[in-house]
Amino acid sequence: MNILWLQASGCGGCTMSLLCAEAPGLFDLLAGAGLEILWHPALSLESGAEVTDLLEALATGARPLDILCVEGAVARGPAGTGRFQMLSGTGASLMDWVRRLAPRARHVVAVGSCAAFGGVTSAGGNPSDAAGLQMEGTHPGGILPPAFRAQGGLPVVNVAGCPVHPGWVVETLLALAEGALGPEGLDSVARPRFYADHLVHHGCPKNEFYEYKASAMELSQIGCMMEHLGCIGTQAAGDCNIRPWNGEGSCTRAGYPCIGCTEPEFEEPRHPFTRTPKVGGIPVGLPSDMPKAWFMALASLSKAATPERVARNAVSDRVRMPPAPRGRRR
């Protein structure tokens, strides 16, 4: 199967992240799976007429297109013309090319939250009128209509993340190549369920602090960041702490709160990313599947039972009190 990769409005961070795929590396993995990159603007040698001829052959159906990957949101401005973002040498906007190519593709993949939902590119006043491929924030319909289906029968597959985890992209491409990703494998916003069925909270190294509601007060401290520092890992889809980035990293492992970058409209939370909004001292963003009354009752009990070790370590920048040897109490 072949892959055409287009880059729209964005930072290119998803490609940079994808290049971190390891054991095996990206190119060995794709070659071993029989996946050929027809063209990628940052990774391919072809340019000029070679690329325009390829695009035209794909758009007319003279050459088959198996997987169309788009990275970054697509600009629709000004006034719906898409001419804020032209594909050099073609006289047509990237929006027009996406709309020509998508119906020809067996599968269409939005790589990253910008391509999936608009993401950071569409934040603020959104002067370029950028949108995701098949969603605009939480609303169906973007560059392509809500009813769009690729030749293989699937809607746009939204591999959301900012940037996206390399494993999510690679596994999605492999699943599509093997015919192993069907409608039942996508969640309600068309994210692959193999990672979207998990929460960032799963596997978080701060879970002991979370259990006792032993909270960090500042970013340099190692306690749970949900109560004061804006972490929404209990609500955000992703297996970031189950399969860490580069084998060992994640936002929460690095001491930064999860900002829910796999979610539609994460880019505009209407409060600082590192501050938990509260009403009457109670955090607004509680675990999505737990009633608030139950959570507050559990939190009160947990705080009352917090071991001294956990309480002291939570507001420190390192472990000050190690666990006691088994059989001894502190």
Protein backbone atom coordinates (compact mmCIF):
# COMPACT_ATOMS: atom_id res chain seq x y z
CA MET A 1 0.00 0.00 0.00
CA ASN A 2 1.11 3.54 -0.66
CA ILE A 3 0.90 6.71 1.44
CA LEU A 4 0.65 10.33 0.35
CA TRP A 5 1.44 12.77 3.16
CA LEU A 6 0.42 16.41 2.97
CA GLN A 7 1.36 19.09 5.49
CA ALA A 8 -1.15 21.86 6.06
CA SER A 9 -1.25 24.64 8.67
CA GLY A 10 0.77 23.52 11.65
CA CYS A 11 4.23 23.31 13.17
CA GLY A 12 5.38 20.02 11.64
CA GLY A 13 5.69 18.58 15.14
CA CYS A 14 3.80 15.40 14.29
CA THR A 15 6.35 14.51 11.62
CA MET A 16 9.15 15.28 14.08
CA SER A 17 7.47 13.01 16.63
CA LEU A 18 6.93 10.25 14.06
CA LEU A 19 10.64 10.18 13.32
CA CYS A 20 11.16 9.14 16.95
CA ALA A 21 9.57 5.75 16.25
CA GLU A 22 12.08 3.15 17.34
CA ALA A 23 12.69 -0.59 17.58
CA PRO A 24 12.28 -0.71 14.61
CA GLY A 25 12.74 2.75 13.16
CA LEU A 26 10.09 4.37 11.01
CA PHE A 27 11.47 3.55 7.58
CA ASP A 28 12.38 -0.04 8.40
CA LEU A 29 8.95 -0.56 9.91
CA LEU A 30 7.07 0.82 6.90
CA ALA A 31 9.22 -1.11 4.45
CA GLY A 32 8.72 -4.32 6.40
CA ALA A 33 4.96 -3.83 6.28
CA GLY A 34 4.92 -3.11 2.55
CA LEU A 35 3.99 0.55 3.01
CA GLU A 36 5.50 2.98 0.52
CA ILE A 37 5.58 6.75 1.05
CA LEU A 38 4.79 8.20 -2.36
CA TRP A 39 5.64 11.68 -1.16
CA HIS A 40 6.19 13.55 2.08
CA PRO A 41 7.14 17.25 1.89
CA ALA A 42 9.86 16.94 4.53
CA LEU A 43 11.13 13.41 3.92
CA SER A 44 10.98 12.90 0.15
CA LEU A 45 13.52 13.94 -2.47
CA GLU A 46 11.00 14.68 -5.25
CA SER A 47 10.02 18.30 -5.91
CA GLY A 48 8.55 20.53 -8.57
CA ALA A 49 7.01 18.84 -11.60
CA GLU A 50 7.65 15.38 -10.16
CA VAL A 51 5.29 16.15 -7.30
CA THR A 52 2.66 18.01 -9.30
CA ASP A 53 2.51 15.19 -11.83
CA LEU A 54 2.11 12.67 -9.00
CA LEU A 55 -0.68 14.67 -7.38
CA GLU A 56 -2.54 15.02 -10.65
CA ALA A 57 -2.26 11.28 -11.36
CA LEU A 58 -3.65 10.49 -7.92
CA ALA A 59 -6.44 13.06 -8.16
CA THR A 60 -7.62 11.76 -11.53
CA GLY A 61 -7.44 8.13 -10.51
CA ALA A 62 -4.70 7.34 -13.03
CA ARG A 63 -2.68 6.09 -10.07
CA PRO A 64 -4.28 4.45 -7.02
CA LEU A 65 -4.05 6.09 -3.62
CA ASP A 66 -4.27 3.84 -0.59
CA ILE A 67 -3.73 6.16 2.38
CA LEU A 68 -3.94 9.95 2.38
CA CYS A 69 -2.35 11.42 5.51
CA VAL A 70 -2.83 15.09 6.32
CA GLU A 71 -0.87 16.82 9.06
CA GLY A 72 -2.05 20.21 10.31
CA ALA A 73 -5.35 22.04 10.03
CA VAL A 74 -6.44 23.21 6.60
CA ALA A 75 -7.02 26.92 6.00
CA ARG A 76 -10.34 27.84 4.41
CA GLY A 77 -9.78 31.59 4.26
CA PRO A 78 -10.11 34.10 2.89
CA ALA A 79 -13.87 33.89 2.36
CA GLY A 80 -13.85 30.13 1.86
CA THR A 81 -11.37 30.16 -1.03
CA GLY A 82 -8.52 28.42 0.80
CA ARG A 83 -6.06 30.76 -0.87
CA PHE A 84 -4.31 31.57 2.38
CA GLN A 85 -2.60 28.22 1.82
CA MET A 86 -1.66 27.46 -1.76
CA LEU A 87 0.14 24.33 -2.90
CA SER A 88 3.12 25.81 -4.70
CA GLY A 89 3.29 25.26 -8.43
CA THR A 90 -0.27 23.99 -8.80
CA GLY A 91 -2.30 27.20 -8.77
CA ALA A 92 -4.72 25.52 -6.34
CA SER A 93 -5.16 25.70 -2.59
CA LEU A 94 -4.31 22.85 -0.26
CA MET A 95 -8.00 22.76 0.65
CA ASP A 96 -8.88 22.08 -2.98
CA TRP A 97 -6.27 19.33 -3.22
CA VAL A 98 -7.54 17.62 -0.06
CA ARG A 99 -11.09 17.71 -1.41
CA ARG A 100 -9.94 16.22 -4.73
CA LEU A 101 -7.73 13.53 -3.24
CA ALA A 102 -9.79 12.36 -0.27
CA PRO A 103 -12.57 10.71 -2.33
CA ARG A 104 -9.91 8.81 -4.30
CA ALA A 105 -8.18 7.40 -1.21
CA ARG A 106 -8.95 4.04 0.31
CA HIS A 107 -8.32 5.60 3.72
CA VAL A 108 -7.88 9.18 4.98
CA VAL A 109 -5.91 9.80 8.18
CA ALA A 110 -5.76 13.07 10.11
CA VAL A 111 -2.36 13.07 11.81
CA GLY A 112 -2.45 15.13 15.00
CA SER A 113 -5.11 17.23 16.69
CA CYS A 114 -4.81 20.12 14.22
CA ALA A 115 -5.71 17.88 11.28
CA ALA A 116 -8.35 16.08 13.34
CA PHE A 117 -10.15 18.95 15.06
CA GLY A 118 -8.43 22.25 14.16
CA GLY A 119 -6.20 22.25 17.22
CA VAL A 120 -3.81 25.05 18.09
CA THR A 121 -3.92 26.32 14.50
CA SER A 122 -7.58 27.26 14.91
CA ALA A 123 -7.24 28.81 18.37
CA GLY A 124 -7.98 32.42 19.20
CA GLY A 125 -9.55 34.46 16.44
CA ASN A 126 -8.63 31.84 13.81
CA PRO A 127 -7.92 34.44 11.10
CA SER A 128 -7.12 31.78 8.49
CA ASP A 129 -10.44 29.98 9.20
CA ALA A 130 -8.56 26.73 9.73
CA ALA A 131 -10.43 23.52 10.49
CA GLY A 132 -9.88 19.81 10.84
CA LEU A 133 -10.49 17.42 7.98
CA GLN A 134 -13.90 16.17 9.10
CA MET A 135 -14.43 17.99 12.39
CA GLU A 136 -14.30 21.59 13.53
CA GLY A 137 -13.63 21.35 17.23
CA THR A 138 -16.37 19.18 18.69
CA HIS A 139 -18.67 19.71 15.71
CA PRO A 140 -18.93 17.29 12.74
CA GLY A 141 -17.90 18.75 9.42
CA GLY A 142 -14.67 20.52 8.51
CA ILE A 143 -12.92 20.54 5.16
CA LEU A 144 -14.90 17.41 4.35
CA PRO A 145 -18.61 16.94 5.13
CA PRO A 146 -19.83 14.82 8.07
CA ALA A 147 -21.10 12.12 5.69
CA PHE A 148 -17.73 11.68 3.96
CA ARG A 149 -16.43 8.14 3.76
CA ALA A 150 -13.22 7.06 2.08
CA GLN A 151 -13.19 4.24 -0.46
CA GLY A 152 -12.60 1.75 2.33
CA GLY A 153 -15.81 2.78 4.08
CA LEU A 154 -14.31 4.63 7.05
CA PRO A 155 -14.63 8.30 7.95
CA VAL A 156 -11.44 10.29 8.44
CA VAL A 157 -9.41 8.43 11.06
CA ASN A 158 -8.43 11.02 13.68
CA VAL A 159 -5.07 10.11 15.19
CA ALA A 160 -5.26 13.02 17.62
CA GLY A 161 -2.44 14.30 19.81
CA CYS A 162 -0.28 17.43 19.98
CA PRO A 163 2.11 16.19 18.89
CA VAL A 164 0.88 12.70 18.12
CA HIS A 165 2.63 9.69 19.66
CA PRO A 166 4.65 7.91 16.93
CA GLY A 167 3.23 4.56 18.01
CA TRP A 168 -0.33 5.76 17.41
CA VAL A 169 0.46 6.75 13.82
CA VAL A 170 2.43 3.63 13.02
CA GLU A 171 -0.14 1.25 14.52
CA THR A 172 -2.95 3.01 12.67
CA LEU A 173 -1.15 2.71 9.33
CA LEU A 174 -0.34 -0.96 9.97
CA ALA A 175 -3.92 -1.71 11.01
CA LEU A 176 -5.28 -0.05 7.87
CA ALA A 177 -2.80 -1.94 5.70
CA GLU A 178 -3.92 -5.24 7.25
CA GLY A 179 -7.63 -4.40 7.04
CA ALA A 180 -7.77 -4.65 10.83
CA LEU A 181 -9.31 -1.27 11.60
CA GLY A 182 -13.06 -1.08 11.10
CA PRO A 183 -15.79 1.25 12.36
CA GLU A 184 -15.90 -0.63 15.66
CA GLY A 185 -12.24 0.26 16.18
CA LEU A 186 -12.98 4.00 16.26
CA ASP A 187 -14.47 5.98 19.14
CA SER A 188 -17.18 8.64 18.96
CA VAL A 189 -14.81 11.21 17.43
CA ALA A 190 -13.14 8.66 15.11
CA ARG A 191 -9.96 8.18 17.15
CA PRO A 192 -8.48 4.66 17.08
CA ARG A 193 -9.68 2.91 20.20
CA PHE A 194 -6.42 1.03 20.76
CA TYR A 195 -5.15 4.20 22.44
CA ALA A 196 -8.33 6.27 22.94
CA ASP A 197 -9.94 3.66 25.20
CA HIS A 198 -7.27 4.46 27.79
CA LEU A 199 -6.88 7.53 29.97
CA VAL A 200 -3.62 9.40 30.47
CA HIS A 201 -4.23 8.71 34.17
CA HIS A 202 -3.67 4.98 33.58
CA GLY A 203 -0.10 4.19 34.55
CA CYS A 204 0.70 7.71 35.76
CA PRO A 205 3.63 7.60 38.22
CA LYS A 206 1.76 10.09 40.43
CA ASN A 207 -1.14 7.73 41.05
CA GLU A 208 -0.23 7.09 44.69
CA PHE A 209 -0.46 10.83 45.32
CA TYR A 210 -3.77 10.89 43.44
CA GLU A 211 -5.18 8.08 45.58
CA TYR A 212 -4.52 10.02 48.77
CA LYS A 213 -5.28 13.42 47.17
CA ALA A 214 -1.80 14.50 48.17
CA SER A 215 -1.42 17.45 45.84
CA ALA A 216 1.47 19.45 44.48
CA MET A 217 1.17 23.19 44.99
CA GLU A 218 3.83 24.20 42.45
CA LEU A 219 5.12 22.71 39.22
CA SER A 220 8.43 21.71 40.78
CA GLN A 221 6.74 19.40 43.28
CA ILE A 222 6.04 15.70 42.71
CA GLY A 223 2.51 15.36 44.11
CA CYS A 224 -0.68 14.94 42.08
CA MET A 225 -1.36 17.92 39.82
CA MET A 226 -5.12 17.52 39.43
CA GLU A 227 -6.28 19.53 42.44
CA HIS A 228 -4.29 22.72 41.86
CA LEU A 229 -2.17 22.56 38.70
CA GLY A 230 -4.72 21.86 35.96
CA CYS A 231 -3.97 18.19 35.18
CA ILE A 232 -6.88 16.51 33.39
CA GLY A 233 -5.28 13.10 32.92
CA THR A 234 -8.37 11.50 34.51
CA GLN A 235 -10.45 12.82 31.62
CA ALA A 236 -8.09 12.75 28.62
CA ALA A 237 -7.84 9.86 26.14
CA GLY A 238 -4.39 8.40 25.61
CA ASP A 239 -2.04 5.65 26.72
CA CYS A 240 0.88 8.06 27.21
CA ASN A 241 1.81 6.57 30.58
CA ILE A 242 1.30 2.97 29.48
CA ARG A 243 3.68 3.26 26.52
CA PRO A 244 5.84 6.26 27.38
CA TRP A 245 7.32 8.50 24.72
CA ASN A 246 10.80 7.42 23.65
CA GLY A 247 10.48 4.53 26.06
CA GLU A 248 10.38 6.59 29.24
CA GLY A 249 8.69 10.00 28.98
CA SER A 250 5.27 11.61 29.25
CA CYS A 251 3.98 15.02 30.32
CA THR A 252 3.07 13.90 33.83
CA ARG A 253 6.28 11.89 34.23
CA ALA A 254 8.16 15.10 33.44
CA GLY A 255 6.20 17.01 36.08
CA TYR A 256 3.85 18.88 33.75
CA PRO A 257 0.06 18.51 33.92
CA CYS A 258 -1.83 16.70 31.18
CA ILE A 259 -3.65 19.31 29.10
CA GLY A 260 -5.75 16.78 27.17
CA CYS A 261 -4.11 17.34 23.80
CA THR A 262 -5.95 14.41 22.22
CA GLU A 263 -9.33 16.05 22.88
CA PRO A 264 -11.29 18.41 20.60
CA GLU A 265 -10.87 22.07 21.64
CA PHE A 266 -8.15 21.31 24.19
CA GLU A 267 -6.35 24.40 22.92
CA GLU A 268 -8.85 26.80 24.50
CA PRO A 269 -9.63 25.58 28.02
CA ARG A 270 -10.71 29.10 29.12
CA HIS A 271 -8.27 29.00 32.02
CA PRO A 272 -4.47 28.74 32.31
CA PHE A 273 -3.24 25.25 31.49
CA THR A 274 -1.44 24.98 34.83
CA ARG A 275 -4.30 26.13 37.04
CA THR A 276 -7.27 24.02 38.08
CA PRO A 277 -10.55 25.96 37.81
CA LYS A 278 -12.61 25.70 40.97
CA VAL A 279 -16.05 26.66 42.22
CA GLY A 280 -16.27 27.08 45.96
CA GLY A 281 -12.86 25.48 46.30
CA ILE A 282 -14.00 22.34 44.45
CA PRO A 283 -12.21 21.47 41.18
CA VAL A 284 -14.50 21.73 38.17
CA GLY A 285 -12.75 19.06 36.13
CA LEU A 286 -13.27 15.84 38.05
CA PRO A 287 -12.96 12.30 36.68
CA SER A 288 -15.52 12.16 33.88
CA ASP A 289 -17.29 8.99 35.06
CA MET A 290 -17.53 9.69 38.81
CA PRO A 291 -20.32 11.73 40.47
CA LYS A 292 -18.91 14.83 42.15
CA ALA A 293 -20.48 14.02 45.52
CA TRP A 294 -18.82 10.60 45.54
CA PHE A 295 -15.49 12.09 44.54
CA MET A 296 -15.56 14.72 47.29
CA ALA A 297 -16.49 12.12 49.91
CA LEU A 298 -13.70 9.83 48.73
CA ALA A 299 -11.23 12.73 48.62
CA SER A 300 -12.03 13.69 52.22
CA LEU A 301 -11.44 10.14 53.42
CA SER A 302 -8.28 9.81 51.36
CA LYS A 303 -6.79 13.04 52.70
CA ALA A 304 -7.55 11.94 56.26
CA ALA A 305 -5.72 8.65 55.67
CA THR A 306 -2.69 10.09 53.85
CA PRO A 307 0.55 8.59 55.17
CA GLU A 308 3.13 11.10 56.36
CA ARG A 309 5.53 9.86 53.68
CA VAL A 310 3.09 10.65 50.86
CA ALA A 311 2.08 14.02 52.31
CA ARG A 312 5.70 15.16 52.73
CA ASN A 313 6.84 13.95 49.33
CA ALA A 314 3.87 15.52 47.51
CA VAL A 315 5.05 19.08 48.21
CA SER A 316 8.72 18.35 47.58
CA ASP A 317 10.73 18.35 44.38
CA ARG A 318 12.06 14.86 45.12
CA VAL A 319 11.43 11.91 47.42
CA ARG A 320 12.26 13.12 50.91
CA MET A 321 10.86 10.16 52.84
CA PRO A 322 11.32 6.75 51.20
CA PRO A 323 8.89 3.86 51.82
CA ALA A 324 9.52 2.01 55.06
CA PRO A 325 10.87 -1.55 54.83
CA ARG A 326 8.17 -4.16 54.70
CA GLY A 327 6.80 -5.03 58.13
CA ARG A 328 7.68 -1.64 59.65
CA ARG A 329 5.33 1.29 59.98
CA ARG A 330 5.96 5.00 59.86
